[in-house]
């Protein structure tokens, strides 16, 4: 559980620091976040 929270916090920080200028860019960021979380869940 703590690993998930660490990954979630890191992803949130990265997304917060990288500004999305378009809706498309935001969608791509959300998709990549989902892939990272899915990969962590499989381990």
PDB file of N, CA and C in Angstrom:
ATOM      1  N   UNK A   1       0.828  -1.199   0.000  1.00  0.00           N
ATOM      2  CA  UNK A   1       0.000   0.000   0.000  1.00  0.00           C
ATOM      3  C   UNK A   1       0.863   1.250   0.000  1.00  0.00           C
ATOM      4  N   UNK A   2       1.941   1.249   0.789  1.00  0.00           N
ATOM      5  CA  UNK A   2       2.784   2.439   0.843  1.00  0.00           C
ATOM      6  C   UNK A   2       3.514   2.650  -0.488  1.00  0.00           C
ATOM      7  N   UNK A   3       3.820   1.557  -1.179  1.00  0.00           N
ATOM      8  CA  UNK A   3       4.468   1.685  -2.489  1.00  0.00           C
ATOM      9  C   UNK A   3       3.517   2.388  -3.468  1.00  0.00           C
ATOM     10  N   UNK A   4       2.247   2.008  -3.425  1.00  0.00           N
ATOM     11  CA  UNK A   4       1.257   2.644  -4.283  1.00  0.00           C
ATOM     12  C   UNK A   4       1.156   4.134  -3.975  1.00  0.00           C
ATOM     13  N   UNK A   5       1.132   4.483  -2.704  1.00  0.00           N
ATOM     14  CA  UNK A   5       1.040   5.892  -2.328  1.00  0.00           C
ATOM     15  C   UNK A   5       2.275   6.666  -2.783  1.00  0.00           C
ATOM     16  N   UNK A   6       3.441   6.046  -2.684  1.00  0.00           N
ATOM     17  CA  UNK A   6       4.674   6.692  -3.141  1.00  0.00           C
ATOM     18  C   UNK A   6       4.632   6.932  -4.641  1.00  0.00           C
ATOM     19  N   UNK A   7       4.212   5.928  -5.385  1.00  0.00           N
ATOM     20  CA  UNK A   7       4.115   6.061  -6.844  1.00  0.00           C
ATOM     21  C   UNK A   7       3.078   7.122  -7.205  1.00  0.00           C
ATOM     22  N   UNK A   8       1.946   7.092  -6.526  1.00  0.00           N
ATOM     23  CA  UNK A   8       0.893   8.072  -6.789  1.00  0.00           C
ATOM     24  C   UNK A   8       1.380   9.491  -6.504  1.00  0.00           C
ATOM     25  N   UNK A   9       2.095   9.677  -5.407  1.00  0.00           N
ATOM     26  CA  UNK A   9       2.611  11.000  -5.057  1.00  0.00           C
ATOM     27  C   UNK A   9       3.635  11.474  -6.081  1.00  0.00           C
ATOM     28  N   UNK A  10       4.493  10.569  -6.540  1.00  0.00           N
ATOM     29  CA  UNK A  10       5.495  10.934  -7.538  1.00  0.00           C
ATOM     30  C   UNK A  10       4.838  11.327  -8.858  1.00  0.00           C
ATOM     31  N   UNK A  11       3.843  10.572  -9.262  1.00  0.00           N
ATOM     32  CA  UNK A  11       3.143  10.879 -10.511  1.00  0.00           C
ATOM     33  C   UNK A  11       2.412  12.211 -10.395  1.00  0.00           C
ATOM     34  N   UNK A  12       1.773  12.431  -9.267  1.00  0.00           N
ATOM     35  CA  UNK A  12       1.071  13.691  -9.055  1.00  0.00           C
ATOM     36  C   UNK A  12       2.038  14.868  -9.116  1.00  0.00           C
ATOM     37  N   UNK A  13       3.199  14.711  -8.519  1.00  0.00           N
ATOM     38  CA  UNK A  13       4.194  15.780  -8.543  1.00  0.00           C
ATOM     39  C   UNK A  13       4.673  16.051  -9.958  1.00  0.00           C
ATOM     40  N   UNK A  14       4.939  14.995 -10.708  1.00  0.00           N
ATOM     41  CA  UNK A  14       5.401  15.159 -12.092  1.00  0.00           C
ATOM     42  C   UNK A  14       4.338  15.854 -12.929  1.00  0.00           C
ATOM     43  N   UNK A  15       3.106  15.419 -12.788  1.00  0.00           N
ATOM     44  CA  UNK A  15       2.029  16.043 -13.556  1.00  0.00           C
ATOM     45  C   UNK A  15       1.813  17.489 -13.131  1.00  0.00           C
ATOM     46  N   UNK A  16       1.983  17.758 -11.860  1.00  0.00           N
ATOM     47  CA  UNK A  16       1.817  19.125 -11.378  1.00  0.00           C
ATOM     48  C   UNK A  16       2.907  20.044 -11.877  1.00  0.00           C
ATOM     49  N   UNK A  17       4.112  19.509 -11.992  1.00  0.00           N
ATOM     50  CA  UNK A  17       5.237  20.332 -12.437  1.00  0.00           C
ATOM     51  C   UNK A  17       5.266  20.525 -13.952  1.00  0.00           C
ATOM     52  N   UNK A  18       4.743  19.546 -14.673  1.00  0.00           N
ATOM     53  CA  UNK A  18       4.728  19.679 -16.134  1.00  0.00           C
ATOM     54  C   UNK A  18       3.372  20.208 -16.560  1.00  0.00           C
ATOM     55  N   UNK A  19       3.343  21.409 -17.012  1.00  0.00           N
ATOM     56  CA  UNK A  19       2.076  22.043 -17.386  1.00  0.00           C
ATOM     57  C   UNK A  19       1.594  21.512 -18.726  1.00  0.00           C
ATOM     58  N   UNK A  20       0.346  21.120 -18.774  1.00  0.00           N
ATOM     59  CA  UNK A  20      -0.273  20.678 -20.025  1.00  0.00           C
ATOM     60  C   UNK A  20      -0.928  21.892 -20.681  1.00  0.00           C
ATOM     61  N   UNK A  21      -0.532  22.201 -21.893  1.00  0.00           N
ATOM     62  CA  UNK A  21      -1.084  23.372 -22.576  1.00  0.00           C
ATOM     63  C   UNK A  21      -2.351  23.050 -23.347  1.00  0.00           C
ATOM     64  N   UNK A  22      -2.591  21.783 -23.592  1.00  0.00           N
ATOM     65  CA  UNK A  22      -3.776  21.421 -24.367  1.00  0.00           C
ATOM     66  C   UNK A  22      -4.509  20.268 -23.700  1.00  0.00           C
ATOM     67  N   UNK A  23      -5.746  20.084 -24.070  1.00  0.00           N
ATOM     68  CA  UNK A  23      -6.530  18.949 -23.572  1.00  0.00           C
ATOM     69  C   UNK A  23      -5.908  17.644 -24.040  1.00  0.00           C
ATOM     70  N   UNK A  24      -5.402  17.631 -25.254  1.00  0.00           N
ATOM     71  CA  UNK A  24      -4.776  16.423 -25.783  1.00  0.00           C
ATOM     72  C   UNK A  24      -3.555  16.049 -24.951  1.00  0.00           C
ATOM     73  N   UNK A  25      -2.747  17.022 -24.612  1.00  0.00           N
ATOM     74  CA  UNK A  25      -1.575  16.764 -23.784  1.00  0.00           C
ATOM     75  C   UNK A  25      -1.963  16.247 -22.412  1.00  0.00           C
ATOM     76  N   UNK A  26      -3.029  16.796 -21.851  1.00  0.00           N
ATOM     77  CA  UNK A  26      -3.502  16.341 -20.550  1.00  0.00           C
ATOM     78  C   UNK A  26      -3.980  14.891 -20.642  1.00  0.00           C
ATOM     79  N   UNK A  27      -4.665  14.558 -21.714  1.00  0.00           N
ATOM     80  CA  UNK A  27      -5.124  13.185 -21.916  1.00  0.00           C
ATOM     81  C   UNK A  27      -3.968  12.209 -22.007  1.00  0.00           C
ATOM     82  N   UNK A  28      -2.909  12.606 -22.693  1.00  0.00           N
ATOM     83  CA  UNK A  28      -1.729  11.754 -22.805  1.00  0.00           C
ATOM     84  C   UNK A  28      -1.069  11.560 -21.449  1.00  0.00           C
ATOM     85  N   UNK A  29      -0.997  12.621 -20.649  1.00  0.00           N
ATOM     86  CA  UNK A  29      -0.416  12.519 -19.316  1.00  0.00           C
ATOM     87  C   UNK A  29      -1.228  11.573 -18.444  1.00  0.00           C
ATOM     88  N   UNK A  30      -2.538  11.678 -18.516  1.00  0.00           N
ATOM     89  CA  UNK A  30      -3.402  10.808 -17.719  1.00  0.00           C
ATOM     90  C   UNK A  30      -3.245   9.358 -18.159  1.00  0.00           C
ATOM     91  N   UNK A  31      -3.130   9.148 -19.459  1.00  0.00           N
ATOM     92  CA  UNK A  31      -2.950   7.792 -19.977  1.00  0.00           C
ATOM     93  C   UNK A  31      -1.632   7.200 -19.492  1.00  0.00           C
ATOM     94  N   UNK A  32      -0.557   7.969 -19.529  1.00  0.00           N
ATOM     95  CA  UNK A  32       0.735   7.477 -19.061  1.00  0.00           C
ATOM     96  C   UNK A  32       0.700   7.189 -17.565  1.00  0.00           C
ATOM     97  N   UNK A  33      -0.006   8.022 -16.817  1.00  0.00           N
ATOM     98  CA  UNK A  33      -0.151   7.791 -15.389  1.00  0.00           C
ATOM     99  C   UNK A  33      -0.854   6.465 -15.137  1.00  0.00           C
ATOM    100  N   UNK A  34      -1.902   6.207 -15.881  1.00  0.00           N
ATOM    101  CA  UNK A  34      -2.622   4.942 -15.763  1.00  0.00           C
ATOM    102  C   UNK A  34      -1.742   3.750 -16.081  1.00  0.00           C
ATOM    103  N   UNK A  35      -0.886   3.889 -17.082  1.00  0.00           N
ATOM    104  CA  UNK A  35       0.015   2.801 -17.457  1.00  0.00           C
ATOM    105  C   UNK A  35       1.030   2.523 -16.346  1.00  0.00           C
ATOM    106  N   UNK A  36       1.539   3.571 -15.726  1.00  0.00           N
ATOM    107  CA  UNK A  36       2.504   3.399 -14.634  1.00  0.00           C
ATOM    108  C   UNK A  36       1.837   2.710 -13.451  1.00  0.00           C
ATOM    109  N   UNK A  37       0.652   3.135 -13.106  1.00  0.00           N
ATOM    110  CA  UNK A  37      -0.063   2.532 -11.981  1.00  0.00           C
ATOM    111  C   UNK A  37      -0.402   1.070 -12.293  1.00  0.00           C
ATOM    112  N   UNK A  38      -0.810   0.803 -13.530  1.00  0.00           N
ATOM    113  CA  UNK A  38      -1.128  -0.555 -13.924  1.00  0.00           C
ATOM    114  C   UNK A  38       0.117  -1.440 -13.854  1.00  0.00           C
ATOM    115  N   UNK A  39       1.242  -0.914 -14.316  1.00  0.00           N
ATOM    116  CA  UNK A  39       2.495  -1.676 -14.249  1.00  0.00           C
ATOM    117  C   UNK A  39       2.902  -1.968 -12.812  1.00  0.00           C
ATOM    118  N   UNK A  40       2.720  -1.010 -11.922  1.00  0.00           N
ATOM    119  CA  UNK A  40       3.062  -1.221 -10.519  1.00  0.00           C
ATOM    120  C   UNK A  40       2.127  -2.237  -9.886  1.00  0.00           C
ATOM    121  N   UNK A  41       0.876  -2.260 -10.306  1.00  0.00           N
ATOM    122  CA  UNK A  41      -0.092  -3.199  -9.740  1.00  0.00           C
ATOM    123  C   UNK A  41       0.212  -4.626 -10.167  1.00  0.00           C
ATOM    124  N   UNK A  42       0.801  -4.795 -11.347  1.00  0.00           N
ATOM    125  CA  UNK A  42       1.108  -6.134 -11.851  1.00  0.00           C
ATOM    126  C   UNK A  42       2.298  -6.764 -11.125  1.00  0.00           C
ATOM    127  N   UNK A  43       3.153  -5.935 -10.533  1.00  0.00           N
ATOM    128  CA  UNK A  43       4.348  -6.474  -9.859  1.00  0.00           C
ATOM    129  C   UNK A  43       4.038  -7.083  -8.529  1.00  0.00           C
TER     130      UNK A  43
END
